[in-house]
Amino acid sequence: MAGSLLVSNRNHNALHEMDAATIASSSNQLFSAQTQIADCKKTISAFSNQLEASQTASSSISNQWVEAKSAQAAATEQITALKQEAAQQAAQSESEKQTLGQQLANLTNQVASLTNQLASTQTSLAQANKDYALLENRFRRDVAERLLVERKFNNDAELKAQLDYLRWNPNAKISEDRIREGLNVVVKSNICYVIAPE
């Protein structure tokens, strides 16, 4: 009986040792599993943080893309407006250029006309000066001739000779045309000019 108890006790101890070893092994496995779970949690947390960072970055990139699209649309509108403004300014400049060209042509024509008028006026002035010189010379000659005639009429012998001539030559009447004869002057009711001597 004691042997049986001893064997039973040994078996019990062996079972106890096996159970203790199993428990220790299970405990080690549990600790290892917990450690792995903790590591997995850390990894999951890191992945979660990375995912959140990626989502934030993706959201930021998406916002930047939207802003870039909006900026591009605004720039396109601005470029279109600038092109239209440049085209309008070019058309206005061309119109002003044509207007200025026309004004320049008109001014050129006016200058040419004034130049011609000036030349004509200078020619007329030269002719007037020439006519004035002729008239002045003719006037001086007429004054001198008049003095001579007055002297003849103041001379009794000359006056008597002239009266005798008129008495014996009644056909040779003194007319207005005869008075002007040889003076190279044309006199009408509204005009008087000198005939240039030949």
Protein backbone atom coordinates (compact mmCIF):
# COMPACT_ATOMS: atom_id res chain seq x y z
CA MET A 1 0.00 0.00 0.00
CA ALA A 2 2.80 2.36 0.84
CA GLY A 3 4.38 1.51 -2.47
CA SER A 4 1.18 2.25 -4.20
CA LEU A 5 1.01 5.62 -2.49
CA LEU A 6 4.59 6.29 -3.35
CA VAL A 7 3.93 5.48 -7.01
CA SER A 8 0.75 7.48 -6.90
CA ASN A 9 2.61 10.36 -5.25
CA ARG A 10 5.31 10.18 -7.86
CA ASN A 11 2.73 10.14 -10.61
CA HIS A 12 1.02 13.01 -8.98
CA ASN A 13 4.29 14.91 -8.71
CA ALA A 14 5.11 14.09 -12.27
CA LEU A 15 1.67 15.28 -13.36
CA HIS A 16 2.08 18.33 -11.18
CA GLU A 17 5.44 19.04 -12.75
CA MET A 18 3.97 18.50 -16.19
CA ASP A 19 1.04 20.76 -15.36
CA ALA A 20 3.45 23.33 -13.94
CA ALA A 21 5.57 23.04 -17.07
CA THR A 22 2.44 23.28 -19.23
CA ILE A 23 1.21 26.26 -17.22
CA ALA A 24 4.65 27.86 -17.43
CA SER A 25 4.75 27.16 -21.17
CA SER A 26 1.22 28.52 -21.57
CA SER A 27 2.12 31.50 -19.45
CA ASN A 28 5.20 32.07 -21.61
CA GLN A 29 3.10 31.68 -24.73
CA LEU A 30 0.48 34.08 -23.27
CA PHE A 31 3.21 36.59 -22.40
CA SER A 32 4.69 36.16 -25.86
CA ALA A 33 1.23 36.53 -27.40
CA GLN A 34 0.57 39.64 -25.29
CA THR A 35 3.93 41.04 -26.33
CA GLN A 36 3.11 40.34 -29.96
CA ILE A 37 -0.35 41.87 -29.50
CA ALA A 38 1.26 44.94 -27.92
CA ASP A 39 3.71 45.12 -30.84
CA CYS A 40 0.81 44.70 -33.27
CA LYS A 41 -1.08 47.47 -31.48
CA LYS A 42 1.98 49.70 -31.78
CA THR A 43 2.29 48.79 -35.46
CA ILE A 44 -1.45 49.36 -35.98
CA SER A 45 -1.19 52.67 -34.13
CA ALA A 46 1.79 53.67 -36.29
CA PHE A 47 -0.09 52.61 -39.44
CA SER A 48 -3.13 54.53 -38.18
CA ASN A 49 -0.98 57.60 -37.59
CA GLN A 50 0.61 57.18 -41.03
CA LEU A 51 -2.83 56.71 -42.57
CA GLU A 52 -4.09 59.83 -40.80
CA ALA A 53 -1.00 61.75 -41.95
CA SER A 54 -1.52 60.41 -45.47
CA GLN A 55 -5.18 61.47 -45.37
CA THR A 56 -4.16 64.91 -44.09
CA ALA A 57 -1.52 65.16 -46.81
CA SER A 58 -4.01 63.92 -49.40
CA SER A 59 -6.57 66.48 -48.20
CA SER A 60 -3.91 69.20 -48.32
CA ILE A 61 -2.86 68.12 -51.82
CA SER A 62 -6.52 68.04 -52.86
CA ASN A 63 -7.02 71.55 -51.48
CA GLN A 64 -3.85 72.71 -53.22
CA TRP A 65 -5.05 71.12 -56.45
CA VAL A 66 -8.42 72.91 -56.13
CA GLU A 67 -6.61 76.17 -55.39
CA ALA A 68 -4.28 75.57 -58.34
CA LYS A 69 -7.26 74.90 -60.63
CA SER A 70 -8.96 78.05 -59.35
CA ALA A 71 -5.74 80.07 -59.83
CA GLN A 72 -5.36 78.62 -63.32
CA ALA A 73 -8.93 79.58 -64.20
CA ALA A 74 -8.39 83.09 -62.82
CA ALA A 75 -5.09 83.39 -64.73
CA THR A 76 -6.80 82.19 -67.93
CA GLU A 77 -9.54 84.80 -67.48
CA GLN A 78 -6.94 87.47 -66.78
CA ILE A 79 -4.90 86.46 -69.86
CA THR A 80 -8.07 86.56 -71.99
CA ALA A 81 -8.95 90.00 -70.61
CA LEU A 82 -5.40 91.23 -71.22
CA LYS A 83 -5.49 89.89 -74.78
CA GLN A 84 -8.79 91.65 -75.43
CA GLU A 85 -7.47 94.87 -73.91
CA ALA A 86 -4.27 94.59 -75.96
CA ALA A 87 -6.34 94.02 -79.13
CA GLN A 88 -8.52 97.05 -78.32
CA GLN A 89 -5.47 99.19 -77.63
CA ALA A 90 -3.86 98.01 -80.87
CA ALA A 91 -7.04 98.85 -82.81
CA GLN A 92 -7.26 102.24 -81.08
CA SER A 93 -3.58 102.91 -81.80
CA GLU A 94 -4.08 101.98 -85.46
CA SER A 95 -7.10 104.28 -85.66
CA GLU A 96 -5.16 107.11 -84.02
CA LYS A 97 -2.24 106.41 -86.37
CA GLN A 98 -4.54 106.68 -89.38
CA THR A 99 -6.11 109.87 -87.99
CA LEU A 100 -2.69 111.39 -87.36
CA GLY A 101 -1.58 110.32 -90.84
CA GLN A 102 -4.63 112.04 -92.34
CA GLN A 103 -3.98 115.14 -90.24
CA LEU A 104 -0.35 115.10 -91.33
CA ALA A 105 -1.40 114.81 -94.97
CA ASN A 106 -3.85 117.70 -94.50
CA LEU A 107 -1.17 119.80 -92.82
CA THR A 108 1.26 118.94 -95.62
CA ASN A 109 -1.33 120.03 -98.20
CA GLN A 110 -2.00 123.22 -96.23
CA VAL A 111 1.73 123.95 -96.04
CA ALA A 112 2.05 123.35 -99.79
CA SER A 113 -0.96 125.60 -100.43
CA LEU A 114 0.45 128.31 -98.15
CA THR A 115 3.82 127.96 -99.86
CA ASN A 116 2.15 128.42 -103.24
CA GLN A 117 0.16 131.39 -101.91
CA LEU A 118 3.35 132.87 -100.47
CA ALA A 119 5.14 132.42 -103.80
CA SER A 120 2.18 133.96 -105.62
CA THR A 121 2.06 136.83 -103.13
CA GLN A 122 5.79 137.38 -103.49
CA THR A 123 5.39 137.39 -107.28
CA SER A 124 2.48 139.84 -107.01
CA LEU A 125 4.48 141.97 -104.59
CA ALA A 126 7.45 141.97 -106.93
CA GLN A 127 5.16 142.97 -109.79
CA ALA A 128 3.55 145.66 -107.62
CA ASN A 129 6.98 147.00 -106.68
CA LYS A 130 7.94 146.99 -110.35
CA ASP A 131 4.69 148.79 -111.27
CA TYR A 132 5.23 151.24 -108.44
CA ALA A 133 8.74 151.98 -109.68
CA LEU A 134 7.38 152.49 -113.19
CA LEU A 135 4.60 154.75 -111.92
CA GLU A 136 7.06 156.69 -109.81
CA ASN A 137 9.36 157.17 -112.81
CA ARG A 138 6.41 158.12 -115.01
CA PHE A 139 5.13 160.51 -112.38
CA ARG A 140 8.52 162.22 -112.17
CA ARG A 141 8.65 162.49 -115.97
CA ASP A 142 5.08 163.84 -116.03
CA VAL A 143 5.92 166.40 -113.36
CA ALA A 144 8.99 167.42 -115.31
CA GLU A 145 6.96 167.62 -118.54
CA ARG A 146 4.25 169.58 -116.76
CA LEU A 147 6.84 172.06 -115.51
CA LEU A 148 8.08 172.41 -119.06
CA VAL A 149 4.52 172.95 -120.32
CA GLU A 150 3.84 175.47 -117.56
CA ARG A 151 7.02 177.31 -118.48
CA LYS A 152 5.91 177.37 -122.12
CA PHE A 153 2.49 178.76 -121.14
CA ASN A 154 4.17 181.32 -118.92
CA ASN A 155 6.32 182.37 -121.88
CA ASP A 156 4.37 184.82 -124.03
CA ALA A 157 6.17 183.91 -127.26
CA GLU A 158 5.55 180.17 -126.71
CA LEU A 159 1.89 180.74 -125.83
CA LYS A 160 1.36 182.92 -128.93
CA ALA A 161 2.97 180.22 -131.12
CA GLN A 162 0.68 177.55 -129.62
CA LEU A 163 -2.44 179.64 -130.18
CA ASP A 164 -1.42 180.28 -133.75
CA TYR A 165 -0.91 176.53 -134.26
CA LEU A 166 -4.41 175.77 -132.93
CA ARG A 167 -5.91 178.52 -135.05
CA TRP A 168 -4.37 177.21 -138.26
CA ASN A 169 -4.81 173.49 -137.39
CA PRO A 170 -8.35 173.14 -135.95
CA ASN A 171 -8.55 169.38 -136.70
CA ALA A 172 -5.79 168.58 -134.24
CA LYS A 173 -8.02 168.79 -131.16
CA ILE A 174 -6.63 167.95 -127.78
CA SER A 175 -8.53 164.93 -126.39
CA GLU A 176 -8.19 162.92 -123.16
CA ASP A 177 -6.73 159.98 -125.05
CA ARG A 178 -4.24 162.27 -126.74
CA ILE A 179 -3.18 163.63 -123.38
CA ARG A 180 -2.37 160.08 -122.19
CA GLU A 181 -0.69 159.16 -125.44
CA GLY A 182 2.89 158.06 -124.88
CA LEU A 183 2.47 157.74 -121.11
CA ASN A 184 2.21 153.90 -121.13
CA VAL A 185 -0.66 154.09 -118.60
CA VAL A 186 -4.12 152.51 -118.96
CA VAL A 187 -6.85 154.40 -117.11
CA LYS A 188 -10.42 153.10 -116.88
CA SER A 189 -13.31 153.77 -114.52
CA ASN A 190 -12.24 151.04 -112.08
CA ILE A 191 -8.62 150.23 -112.92
CA CYS A 192 -5.33 151.90 -113.57
CA TYR A 193 -2.11 150.09 -114.45
CA VAL A 194 1.21 150.76 -116.11
CA ILE A 195 2.13 149.25 -119.45
CA ALA A 196 5.70 148.04 -119.30
CA PRO A 197 7.81 149.97 -121.79
CA GLU A 198 9.00 148.02 -124.80
